[in-house]
PDB file of N, CA and C in Angstrom:
ATOM      1  N   MET A   1      83.777 105.486 135.723  1.00  0.00           N
ATOM      2  CA  MET A   1      84.470 105.603 136.981  1.00  0.00           C
ATOM      3  C   MET A   1      83.490 106.109 138.041  1.00  0.00           C
ATOM      4  N   ALA A   2      83.423 105.446 139.172  1.00  0.00           N
ATOM      5  CA  ALA A   2      82.503 105.818 140.240  1.00  0.00           C
ATOM      6  C   ALA A   2      83.173 106.775 141.218  1.00  0.00           C
ATOM      7  N   PHE A   3      82.396 107.726 141.711  1.00  0.00           N
ATOM      8  CA  PHE A   3      82.877 108.698 142.696  1.00  0.00           C
ATOM      9  C   PHE A   3      82.047 108.587 143.954  1.00  0.00           C
ATOM     10  N   LYS A   4      82.651 108.912 145.080  1.00  0.00           N
ATOM     11  CA  LYS A   4      81.884 109.057 146.307  1.00  0.00           C
ATOM     12  C   LYS A   4      81.096 110.352 146.184  1.00  0.00           C
ATOM     13  N   VAL A   5      80.006 110.459 146.916  1.00  0.00           N
ATOM     14  CA  VAL A   5      79.145 111.646 146.839  1.00  0.00           C
ATOM     15  C   VAL A   5      79.949 112.907 147.138  1.00  0.00           C
ATOM     16  N   GLU A   6      80.771 112.862 148.174  1.00  0.00           N
ATOM     17  CA  GLU A   6      81.568 114.039 148.552  1.00  0.00           C
ATOM     18  C   GLU A   6      82.504 114.462 147.422  1.00  0.00           C
ATOM     19  N   GLU A   7      83.128 113.474 146.745  1.00  0.00           N
ATOM     20  CA  GLU A   7      84.027 113.772 145.629  1.00  0.00           C
ATOM     21  C   GLU A   7      83.256 114.390 144.464  1.00  0.00           C
ATOM     22  N   ALA A   8      82.076 113.835 144.178  1.00  0.00           N
ATOM     23  CA  ALA A   8      81.255 114.361 143.085  1.00  0.00           C
ATOM     24  C   ALA A   8      80.841 115.797 143.361  1.00  0.00           C
ATOM     25  N   LEU A   9      80.422 116.076 144.603  1.00  0.00           N
ATOM     26  CA  LEU A   9      80.033 117.449 144.958  1.00  0.00           C
ATOM     27  C   LEU A   9      81.217 118.397 144.844  1.00  0.00           C
ATOM     28  N   GLU A  10      82.391 117.963 145.247  1.00  0.00           N
ATOM     29  CA  GLU A  10      83.585 118.811 145.141  1.00  0.00           C
ATOM     30  C   GLU A  10      83.898 119.148 143.681  1.00  0.00           C
ATOM     31  N   ILE A  11      83.769 118.167 142.799  1.00  0.00           N
ATOM     32  CA  ILE A  11      83.999 118.398 141.363  1.00  0.00           C
ATOM     33  C   ILE A  11      82.975 119.390 140.829  1.00  0.00           C
ATOM     34  N   ILE A  12      81.726 119.225 141.225  1.00  0.00           N
ATOM     35  CA  ILE A  12      80.670 120.136 140.768  1.00  0.00           C
ATOM     36  C   ILE A  12      80.957 121.551 141.231  1.00  0.00           C
ATOM     37  N   TYR A  13      81.264 121.716 142.527  1.00  0.00           N
ATOM     38  CA  TYR A  13      81.500 123.058 143.077  1.00  0.00           C
ATOM     39  C   TYR A  13      82.707 123.738 142.431  1.00  0.00           C
ATOM     40  N   LYS A  14      83.728 122.967 142.046  1.00  0.00           N
ATOM     41  CA  LYS A  14      84.916 123.538 141.407  1.00  0.00           C
ATOM     42  C   LYS A  14      84.649 123.965 139.969  1.00  0.00           C
ATOM     43  N   ASN A  15      83.697 123.310 139.309  1.00  0.00           N
ATOM     44  CA  ASN A  15      83.485 123.540 137.875  1.00  0.00           C
ATOM     45  C   ASN A  15      82.225 124.311 137.518  1.00  0.00           C
ATOM     46  N   VAL A  16      81.447 124.698 138.502  1.00  0.00           N
ATOM     47  CA  VAL A  16      80.212 125.433 138.232  1.00  0.00           C
ATOM     48  C   VAL A  16      80.324 126.812 138.871  1.00  0.00           C
ATOM     49  N   SER A  17      80.036 127.810 138.066  1.00  0.00           N
ATOM     50  CA  SER A  17      80.076 129.169 138.615  1.00  0.00           C
ATOM     51  C   SER A  17      78.661 129.612 138.964  1.00  0.00           C
ATOM     52  N   PRO A  18      78.530 130.440 140.005  1.00  0.00           N
ATOM     53  CA  PRO A  18      77.196 130.929 140.384  1.00  0.00           C
ATOM     54  C   PRO A  18      76.558 131.717 139.238  1.00  0.00           C
ATOM     55  N   LYS A  19      75.277 131.596 139.126  1.00  0.00           N
ATOM     56  CA  LYS A  19      74.530 132.314 138.095  1.00  0.00           C
ATOM     57  C   LYS A  19      73.929 133.580 138.687  1.00  0.00           C
ATOM     58  N   SER A  20      73.662 134.536 137.839  1.00  0.00           N
ATOM     59  CA  SER A  20      73.022 135.762 138.306  1.00  0.00           C
ATOM     60  C   SER A  20      71.530 135.509 138.527  1.00  0.00           C
ATOM     61  N   ILE A  21      70.942 136.343 139.343  1.00  0.00           N
ATOM     62  CA  ILE A  21      69.516 136.211 139.642  1.00  0.00           C
ATOM     63  C   ILE A  21      68.732 137.155 138.752  1.00  0.00           C
ATOM     64  N   LYS A  22      67.672 136.634 138.144  1.00  0.00           N
ATOM     65  CA  LYS A  22      66.769 137.437 137.312  1.00  0.00           C
ATOM     66  C   LYS A  22      65.379 137.363 137.922  1.00  0.00           C
ATOM     67  N   ILE A  23      64.667 138.445 137.888  1.00  0.00           N
ATOM     68  CA  ILE A  23      63.272 138.441 138.299  1.00  0.00           C
ATOM     69  C   ILE A  23      62.439 138.441 137.031  1.00  0.00           C
ATOM     70  N   LEU A  24      61.635 137.373 136.891  1.00  0.00           N
ATOM     71  CA  LEU A  24      60.843 137.182 135.670  1.00  0.00           C
ATOM     72  C   LEU A  24      59.382 136.932 136.009  1.00  0.00           C
ATOM     73  N   PRO A  25      58.492 137.306 135.101  1.00  0.00           N
ATOM     74  CA  PRO A  25      57.099 136.888 135.260  1.00  0.00           C
ATOM     75  C   PRO A  25      57.035 135.362 135.128  1.00  0.00           C
ATOM     76  N   ILE A  26      56.130 134.747 135.817  1.00  0.00           N
ATOM     77  CA  ILE A  26      56.021 133.288 135.815  1.00  0.00           C
ATOM     78  C   ILE A  26      55.896 132.728 134.398  1.00  0.00           C
ATOM     79  N   GLU A  27      55.254 133.475 133.512  1.00  0.00           N
ATOM     80  CA  GLU A  27      55.053 132.999 132.132  1.00  0.00           C
ATOM     81  C   GLU A  27      56.375 132.869 131.379  1.00  0.00           C
ATOM     82  N   GLN A  28      57.418 133.556 131.820  1.00  0.00           N
ATOM     83  CA  GLN A  28      58.712 133.516 131.132  1.00  0.00           C
ATOM     84  C   GLN A  28      59.743 132.673 131.878  1.00  0.00           C
ATOM     85  N   ALA A  29      59.338 131.983 132.931  1.00  0.00           N
ATOM     86  CA  ALA A  29      60.281 131.281 133.790  1.00  0.00           C
ATOM     87  C   ALA A  29      60.615 129.859 133.335  1.00  0.00           C
ATOM     88  N   LEU A  30      60.004 129.381 132.251  1.00  0.00           N
ATOM     89  CA  LEU A  30      60.279 128.034 131.772  1.00  0.00           C
ATOM     90  C   LEU A  30      61.760 127.883 131.442  1.00  0.00           C
ATOM     91  N   GLY A  31      62.386 126.845 131.975  1.00  0.00           N
ATOM     92  CA  GLY A  31      63.798 126.584 131.711  1.00  0.00           C
ATOM     93  C   GLY A  31      64.727 127.221 132.722  1.00  0.00           C
ATOM     94  N   PHE A  32      64.200 128.034 133.634  1.00  0.00           N
ATOM     95  CA  PHE A  32      65.016 128.661 134.665  1.00  0.00           C
ATOM     96  C   PHE A  32      64.922 127.856 135.959  1.00  0.00           C
ATOM     97  N   VAL A  33      65.847 128.129 136.876  1.00  0.00           N
ATOM     98  CA  VAL A  33      65.877 127.469 138.178  1.00  0.00           C
ATOM     99  C   VAL A  33      65.595 128.512 139.242  1.00  0.00           C
ATOM    100  N   LEU A  34      64.798 128.151 140.250  1.00  0.00           N
ATOM    101  CA  LEU A  34      64.488 129.094 141.325  1.00  0.00           C
ATOM    102  C   LEU A  34      65.746 129.455 142.108  1.00  0.00           C
ATOM    103  N   ALA A  35      65.890 130.723 142.446  1.00  0.00           N
ATOM    104  CA  ALA A  35      67.026 131.186 143.234  1.00  0.00           C
ATOM    105  C   ALA A  35      66.823 130.894 144.715  1.00  0.00           C
ATOM    106  N   GLN A  36      65.582 130.697 145.123  1.00  0.00           N
ATOM    107  CA  GLN A  36      65.284 130.365 146.515  1.00  0.00           C
ATOM    108  C   GLN A  36      64.029 129.516 146.564  1.00  0.00           C
ATOM    109  N   ASP A  37      63.847 128.829 147.688  1.00  0.00           N
ATOM    110  CA  ASP A  37      62.662 127.979 147.851  1.00  0.00           C
ATOM    111  C   ASP A  37      61.404 128.835 147.890  1.00  0.00           C
ATOM    112  N   VAL A  38      60.338 128.293 147.333  1.00  0.00           N
ATOM    113  CA  VAL A  38      59.023 128.925 147.417  1.00  0.00           C
ATOM    114  C   VAL A  38      58.164 128.017 148.289  1.00  0.00           C
ATOM    115  N   ILE A  39      57.635 128.570 149.356  1.00  0.00           N
ATOM    116  CA  ILE A  39      56.857 127.779 150.298  1.00  0.00           C
ATOM    117  C   ILE A  39      55.448 128.345 150.381  1.00  0.00           C
ATOM    118  N   ALA A  40      54.480 127.477 150.150  1.00  0.00           N
ATOM    119  CA  ALA A  40      53.083 127.902 150.229  1.00  0.00           C
ATOM    120  C   ALA A  40      52.697 128.122 151.691  1.00  0.00           C
ATOM    121  N   ILE A  41      51.932 129.164 151.936  1.00  0.00           N
ATOM    122  CA  ILE A  41      51.510 129.435 153.316  1.00  0.00           C
ATOM    123  C   ILE A  41      50.246 128.663 153.686  1.00  0.00           C
ATOM    124  N   TYR A  42      49.550 128.115 152.685  1.00  0.00           N
ATOM    125  CA  TYR A  42      48.417 127.245 152.954  1.00  0.00           C
ATOM    126  C   TYR A  42      48.245 126.291 151.779  1.00  0.00           C
ATOM    127  N   ASN A  43      47.650 125.149 152.046  1.00  0.00           N
ATOM    128  CA  ASN A  43      47.451 124.118 151.031  1.00  0.00           C
ATOM    129  C   ASN A  43      46.260 124.447 150.142  1.00  0.00           C
ATOM    130  N   LEU A  44      46.416 124.209 148.865  1.00  0.00           N
ATOM    131  CA  LEU A  44      45.307 124.322 147.924  1.00  0.00           C
ATOM    132  C   LEU A  44      45.236 123.033 147.122  1.00  0.00           C
ATOM    133  N   PRO A  45      44.183 122.317 147.145  1.00  0.00           N
ATOM    134  CA  PRO A  45      43.007 122.552 147.973  1.00  0.00           C
ATOM    135  C   PRO A  45      43.327 122.251 149.437  1.00  0.00           C
ATOM    136  N   PRO A  46      42.496 122.721 150.347  1.00  0.00           N
ATOM    137  CA  PRO A  46      42.764 122.532 151.778  1.00  0.00           C
ATOM    138  C   PRO A  46      42.309 121.164 152.304  1.00  0.00           C
ATOM    139  N   PHE A  47      42.239 120.170 151.437  1.00  0.00           N
ATOM    140  CA  PHE A  47      41.827 118.817 151.819  1.00  0.00           C
ATOM    141  C   PHE A  47      42.546 117.830 150.916  1.00  0.00           C
ATOM    142  N   ASN A  48      42.574 116.565 151.310  1.00  0.00           N
ATOM    143  CA  ASN A  48      43.148 115.526 150.456  1.00  0.00           C
ATOM    144  C   ASN A  48      42.198 115.273 149.301  1.00  0.00           C
ATOM    145  N   ASN A  49      42.760 115.270 148.080  1.00  0.00           N
ATOM    146  CA  ASN A  49      41.904 115.044 146.921  1.00  0.00           C
ATOM    147  C   ASN A  49      42.453 113.933 146.046  1.00  0.00           C
ATOM    148  N   SER A  50      41.578 113.375 145.232  1.00  0.00           N
ATOM    149  CA  SER A  50      41.939 112.255 144.370  1.00  0.00           C
ATOM    150  C   SER A  50      42.706 112.740 143.149  1.00  0.00           C
ATOM    151  N   ALA A  51      43.783 112.030 142.832  1.00  0.00           N
ATOM    152  CA  ALA A  51      44.596 112.368 141.664  1.00  0.00           C
ATOM    153  C   ALA A  51      44.091 111.666 140.404  1.00  0.00           C
ATOM    154  N   MET A  52      43.008 110.902 140.533  1.00  0.00           N
ATOM    155  CA  MET A  52      42.512 110.138 139.387  1.00  0.00           C
ATOM    156  C   MET A  52      41.032 109.828 139.551  1.00  0.00           C
ATOM    157  N   ASP A  53      40.400 109.472 138.440  1.00  0.00           N
ATOM    158  CA  ASP A  53      39.051 108.921 138.502  1.00  0.00           C
ATOM    159  C   ASP A  53      39.184 107.480 138.988  1.00  0.00           C
ATOM    160  N   GLY A  54      38.334 107.086 139.910  1.00  0.00           N
ATOM    161  CA  GLY A  54      38.413 105.718 140.409  1.00  0.00           C
ATOM    162  C   GLY A  54      37.373 105.452 141.465  1.00  0.00           C
ATOM    163  N   TYR A  55      37.704 104.522 142.354  1.00  0.00           N
ATOM    164  CA  TYR A  55      36.801 104.131 143.424  1.00  0.00           C
ATOM    165  C   TYR A  55      37.540 104.188 144.754  1.00  0.00           C
ATOM    166  N   ALA A  56      36.944 104.874 145.712  1.00  0.00           N
ATOM    167  CA  ALA A  56      37.470 104.918 147.067  1.00  0.00           C
ATOM    168  C   ALA A  56      37.010 103.643 147.768  1.00  0.00           C
ATOM    169  N   VAL A  57      37.968 102.916 148.341  1.00  0.00           N
ATOM    170  CA  VAL A  57      37.649 101.643 148.983  1.00  0.00           C
ATOM    171  C   VAL A  57      38.461 101.452 150.259  1.00  0.00           C
ATOM    172  N   LYS A  58      38.137 100.404 150.983  1.00  0.00           N
ATOM    173  CA  LYS A  58      38.885  99.958 152.159  1.00  0.00           C
ATOM    174  C   LYS A  58      39.846  98.846 151.719  1.00  0.00           C
ATOM    175  N   ILE A  59      40.998  98.747 152.365  1.00  0.00           N
ATOM    176  CA  ILE A  59      41.964  97.698 152.048  1.00  0.00           C
ATOM    177  C   ILE A  59      41.362  96.313 152.286  1.00  0.00           C
ATOM    178  N   ALA A  60      40.527  96.177 153.300  1.00  0.00           N
ATOM    179  CA  ALA A  60      39.897  94.886 153.616  1.00  0.00           C
ATOM    180  C   ALA A  60      39.051  94.371 152.456  1.00  0.00           C
ATOM    181  N   ASP A  61      38.639  95.258 151.538  1.00  0.00           N
ATOM    182  CA  ASP A  61      37.805  94.862 150.402  1.00  0.00           C
ATOM    183  C   ASP A  61      38.621  94.527 149.152  1.00  0.00           C
ATOM    184  N   ALA A  62      39.930  94.455 149.276  1.00  0.00           N
ATOM    185  CA  ALA A  62      40.792  94.164 148.116  1.00  0.00           C
ATOM    186  C   ALA A  62      40.387  92.842 147.474  1.00  0.00           C
ATOM    187  N   GLY A  63      40.200  92.855 146.172  1.00  0.00           N
ATOM    188  CA  GLY A  63      39.843  91.651 145.427  1.00  0.00           C
ATOM    189  C   GLY A  63      38.385  91.255 145.531  1.00  0.00           C
ATOM    190  N   LYS A  64      37.596  92.019 146.242  1.00  0.00           N
ATOM    191  CA  LYS A  64      36.175  91.711 146.418  1.00  0.00           C
ATOM    192  C   LYS A  64      35.319  92.670 145.595  1.00  0.00           C
ATOM    193  N   SER A  65      34.073  92.307 145.422  1.00  0.00           N
ATOM    194  CA  SER A  65      33.106  93.226 144.830  1.00  0.00           C
ATOM    195  C   SER A  65      32.549  94.110 145.944  1.00  0.00           C
ATOM    196  N   VAL A  66      32.360  95.374 145.645  1.00  0.00           N
ATOM    197  CA  VAL A  66      31.784  96.302 146.627  1.00  0.00           C
ATOM    198  C   VAL A  66      30.570  96.976 146.011  1.00  0.00           C
ATOM    199  N   LYS A  67      29.672  97.455 146.857  1.00  0.00           N
ATOM    200  CA  LYS A  67      28.487  98.169 146.383  1.00  0.00           C
ATOM    201  C   LYS A  67      28.829  99.644 146.265  1.00  0.00           C
ATOM    202  N   VAL A  68      28.478 100.210 145.130  1.00  0.00           N
ATOM    203  CA  VAL A  68      28.733 101.634 144.888  1.00  0.00           C
ATOM    204  C   VAL A  68      27.394 102.323 144.682  1.00  0.00           C
ATOM    205  N   LYS A  69      27.073 103.249 145.582  1.00  0.00           N
ATOM    206  CA  LYS A  69      25.789 103.944 145.507  1.00  0.00           C
ATOM    207  C   LYS A  69      25.944 105.438 145.317  1.00  0.00           C
ATOM    208  N   HIS A  70      27.170 105.924 145.308  1.00  0.00           N
ATOM    209  CA  HIS A  70      27.387 107.368 145.363  1.00  0.00           C
ATOM    210  C   HIS A  70      28.613 107.736 144.525  1.00  0.00           C
ATOM    211  N   THR A  71      28.609 108.915 143.940  1.00  0.00           N
ATOM    212  CA  THR A  71      29.761 109.461 143.215  1.00  0.00           C
ATOM    213  C   THR A  71      30.100 110.818 143.810  1.00  0.00           C
ATOM    214  N   ILE A  72      31.390 111.043 144.032  1.00  0.00           N
ATOM    215  CA  ILE A  72      31.845 112.355 144.499  1.00  0.00           C
ATOM    216  C   ILE A  72      32.557 113.036 143.338  1.00  0.00           C
ATOM    217  N   PHE A  73      32.042 114.190 142.940  1.00  0.00           N
ATOM    218  CA  PHE A  73      32.641 114.970 141.867  1.00  0.00           C
ATOM    219  C   PHE A  73      33.531 116.061 142.458  1.00  0.00           C
ATOM    220  N   ALA A  74      34.482 116.551 141.673  1.00  0.00           N
ATOM    221  CA  ALA A  74      35.310 117.673 142.119  1.00  0.00           C
ATOM    222  C   ALA A  74      34.386 118.844 142.441  1.00  0.00           C
ATOM    223  N   GLY A  75      34.588 119.448 143.584  1.00  0.00           N
ATOM    224  CA  GLY A  75      33.758 120.568 144.000  1.00  0.00           C
ATOM    225  C   GLY A  75      32.608 120.177 144.903  1.00  0.00           C
ATOM    226  N   ASP A  76      32.288 118.872 144.967  1.00  0.00           N
ATOM    227  CA  ASP A  76      31.222 118.423 145.872  1.00  0.00           C
ATOM    228  C   ASP A  76      31.656 118.604 147.319  1.00  0.00           C
ATOM    229  N   ASP A  77      30.702 118.886 148.176  1.00  0.00           N
ATOM    230  CA  ASP A  77      30.965 119.017 149.604  1.00  0.00           C
ATOM    231  C   ASP A  77      30.416 117.773 150.300  1.00  0.00           C
ATOM    232  N   SER A  78      30.975 116.621 149.944  1.00  0.00           N
ATOM    233  CA  SER A  78      30.478 115.352 150.473  1.00  0.00           C
ATOM    234  C   SER A  78      31.062 115.085 151.854  1.00  0.00           C
ATOM    235  N   SER A  79      30.205 114.654 152.773  1.00  0.00           N
ATOM    236  CA  SER A  79      30.668 114.306 154.111  1.00  0.00           C
ATOM    237  C   SER A  79      30.417 112.819 154.376  1.00  0.00           C
ATOM    238  N   GLU A  80      30.247 112.062 153.297  1.00  0.00           N
ATOM    239  CA  GLU A  80      29.970 110.634 153.430  1.00  0.00           C
ATOM    240  C   GLU A  80      31.184 109.921 154.034  1.00  0.00           C
ATOM    241  N   ILE A  81      30.906 108.924 154.872  1.00  0.00           N
ATOM    242  CA  ILE A  81      31.958 108.120 155.494  1.00  0.00           C
ATOM    243  C   ILE A  81      31.943 106.745 154.839  1.00  0.00           C
ATOM    244  N   LEU A  82      33.093 106.322 154.336  1.00  0.00           N
ATOM    245  CA  LEU A  82      33.197 105.044 153.643  1.00  0.00           C
ATOM    246  C   LEU A  82      33.199 103.893 154.644  1.00  0.00           C
ATOM    247  N   LYS A  83      32.374 102.891 154.357  1.00  0.00           N
ATOM    248  CA  LYS A  83      32.278 101.713 155.223  1.00  0.00           C
ATOM    249  C   LYS A  83      32.739 100.482 154.457  1.00  0.00           C
ATOM    250  N   GLU A  84      33.190  99.472 155.189  1.00  0.00           N
ATOM    251  CA  GLU A  84      33.649  98.223 154.586  1.00  0.00           C
ATOM    252  C   GLU A  84      32.515  97.590 153.781  1.00  0.00           C
ATOM    253  N   GLY A  85      32.861  97.040 152.607  1.00  0.00           N
ATOM    254  CA  GLY A  85      31.871  96.417 151.741  1.00  0.00           C
ATOM    255  C   GLY A  85      31.269  97.375 150.733  1.00  0.00           C
ATOM    256  N   PHE A  86      31.600  98.653 150.874  1.00  0.00           N
ATOM    257  CA  PHE A  86      31.090  99.679 149.967  1.00  0.00           C
ATOM    258  C   PHE A  86      32.254 100.419 149.307  1.00  0.00           C
ATOM    259  N   GLY A  87      31.985 100.986 148.167  1.00  0.00           N
ATOM    260  CA  GLY A  87      32.941 101.835 147.475  1.00  0.00           C
ATOM    261  C   GLY A  87      32.240 103.116 147.084  1.00  0.00           C
ATOM    262  N   ILE A  88      33.020 104.137 146.852  1.00  0.00           N
ATOM    263  CA  ILE A  88      32.459 105.403 146.385  1.00  0.00           C
ATOM    264  C   ILE A  88      33.203 105.781 145.118  1.00  0.00           C
ATOM    265  N   LYS A  89      32.459 105.982 144.045  1.00  0.00           N
ATOM    266  CA  LYS A  89      33.086 106.437 142.808  1.00  0.00           C
ATOM    267  C   LYS A  89      33.569 107.865 143.052  1.00  0.00           C
ATOM    268  N   ILE A  90      34.815 108.140 142.657  1.00  0.00           N
ATOM    269  CA  ILE A  90      35.402 109.447 142.929  1.00  0.00           C
ATOM    270  C   ILE A  90      36.071 109.970 141.665  1.00  0.00           C
ATOM    271  N   MET A  91      35.896 111.245 141.416  1.00  0.00           N
ATOM    272  CA  MET A  91      36.455 111.863 140.220  1.00  0.00           C
ATOM    273  C   MET A  91      37.728 112.635 140.570  1.00  0.00           C
ATOM    274  N   THR A  92      38.554 112.885 139.576  1.00  0.00           N
ATOM    275  CA  THR A  92      39.800 113.616 139.769  1.00  0.00           C
ATOM    276  C   THR A  92      39.529 114.963 140.431  1.00  0.00           C
ATOM    277  N   GLY A  93      40.261 115.247 141.500  1.00  0.00           N
ATOM    278  CA  GLY A  93      40.133 116.517 142.203  1.00  0.00           C
ATOM    279  C   GLY A  93      39.106 116.511 143.317  1.00  0.00           C
ATOM    280  N   ALA A  94      38.315 115.443 143.413  1.00  0.00           N
ATOM    281  CA  ALA A  94      37.277 115.381 144.444  1.00  0.00           C
ATOM    282  C   ALA A  94      37.881 115.092 145.812  1.00  0.00           C
ATOM    283  N   ARG A  95      37.201 115.575 146.853  1.00  0.00           N
ATOM    284  CA  ARG A  95      37.637 115.327 148.232  1.00  0.00           C
ATOM    285  C   ARG A  95      37.578 113.822 148.522  1.00  0.00           C
ATOM    286  N   ILE A  96      38.660 113.297 149.083  1.00  0.00           N
ATOM    287  CA  ILE A  96      38.700 111.884 149.455  1.00  0.00           C
ATOM    288  C   ILE A  96      37.838 111.697 150.701  1.00  0.00           C
ATOM    289  N   PRO A  97      36.897 110.741 150.660  1.00  0.00           N
ATOM    290  CA  PRO A  97      35.980 110.578 151.793  1.00  0.00           C
ATOM    291  C   PRO A  97      36.668 110.001 153.028  1.00  0.00           C
ATOM    292  N   GLU A  98      36.127 110.344 154.187  1.00  0.00           N
ATOM    293  CA  GLU A  98      36.637 109.807 155.434  1.00  0.00           C
ATOM    294  C   GLU A  98      36.498 108.287 155.422  1.00  0.00           C
ATOM    295  N   GLY A  99      37.518 107.598 155.881  1.00  0.00           N
ATOM    296  CA  GLY A  99      37.495 106.139 155.911  1.00  0.00           C
ATOM    297  C   GLY A  99      38.124 105.499 154.693  1.00  0.00           C
ATOM    298  N   CYS A 100      38.413 106.274 153.662  1.00  0.00           N
ATOM    299  CA  CYS A 100      39.031 105.739 152.447  1.00  0.00           C
ATOM    300  C   CYS A 100      40.482 105.365 152.742  1.00  0.00           C
ATOM    301  N   GLU A 101      40.865 104.175 152.317  1.00  0.00           N
ATOM    302  CA  GLU A 101      42.244 103.725 152.502  1.00  0.00           C
ATOM    303  C   GLU A 101      42.980 103.579 151.175  1.00  0.00           C
ATOM    304  N   CYS A 102      42.234 103.624 150.071  1.00  0.00           N
ATOM    305  CA  CYS A 102      42.846 103.420 148.761  1.00  0.00           C
ATOM    306  C   CYS A 102      41.910 103.939 147.670  1.00  0.00           C
ATOM    307  N   ILE A 103      42.500 104.501 146.624  1.00  0.00           N
ATOM    308  CA  ILE A 103      41.727 104.842 145.417  1.00  0.00           C
ATOM    309  C   ILE A 103      42.173 103.867 144.328  1.00  0.00           C
ATOM    310  N   VAL A 104      41.248 103.084 143.828  1.00  0.00           N
ATOM    311  CA  VAL A 104      41.550 102.154 142.736  1.00  0.00           C
ATOM    312  C   VAL A 104      41.236 102.865 141.431  1.00  0.00           C
ATOM    313  N   PRO A 105      42.227 103.011 140.532  1.00  0.00           N
ATOM    314  CA  PRO A 105      41.956 103.682 139.250  1.00  0.00           C
ATOM    315  C   PRO A 105      40.825 102.987 138.505  1.00  0.00           C
ATOM    316  N   ILE A 106      40.000 103.779 137.863  1.00  0.00           N
ATOM    317  CA  ILE A 106      38.826 103.238 137.165  1.00  0.00           C
ATOM    318  C   ILE A 106      39.226 102.204 136.112  1.00  0.00           C
ATOM    319  N   GLU A 107      40.425 102.358 135.534  1.00  0.00           N
ATOM    320  CA  GLU A 107      40.890 101.416 134.507  1.00  0.00           C
ATOM    321  C   GLU A 107      41.185 100.027 135.081  1.00  0.00           C
ATOM    322  N   ASN A 108      41.351  99.949 136.405  1.00  0.00           N
ATOM    323  CA  ASN A 108      41.677  98.673 137.050  1.00  0.00           C
ATOM    324  C   ASN A 108      40.457  98.033 137.703  1.00  0.00           C
ATOM    325  N   THR A 109      39.260  98.439 137.282  1.00  0.00           N
ATOM    326  CA  THR A 109      38.038  97.903 137.862  1.00  0.00           C
ATOM    327  C   THR A 109      37.144  97.333 136.780  1.00  0.00           C
ATOM    328  N   GLN A 110      36.166  96.547 137.202  1.00  0.00           N
ATOM    329  CA  GLN A 110      35.123  96.098 136.280  1.00  0.00           C
ATOM    330  C   GLN A 110      33.805  96.067 137.015  1.00  0.00           C
ATOM    331  N   ARG A 111      32.748  96.378 136.279  1.00  0.00           N
ATOM    332  CA  ARG A 111      31.405  96.405 136.873  1.00  0.00           C
ATOM    333  C   ARG A 111      30.821  95.001 136.920  1.00  0.00           C
ATOM    334  N   ASP A 112      30.120  94.726 138.006  1.00  0.00           N
ATOM    335  CA  ASP A 112      29.403  93.429 138.142  1.00  0.00           C
ATOM    336  C   ASP A 112      27.995  93.609 137.646  1.00  0.00           C
TER     337      ASP A 112
END
């Protein structure tokens, strides 16, 4: 049986009782729900980083071979600017270079 969102919320509110609040060390918080939102006051890391090992490329280079002359590792302070026709090998956690429009996972590439 399908319910409208408002009806479903009303059923939930009628059948769920509020829970008490516990203060726990983070190590013991598995399985619990936060009593209030936690908002970070600053981003860590403070830059966009790669979620995977792969190649930073431009969209215009999709399906083409690109020249790769450089690798950015996590922790590197690279200021390289990505140009069309080139790719930069990038490791998980590394700063995404300026000009990058896409990270292609390493598993989806092949070397020429």
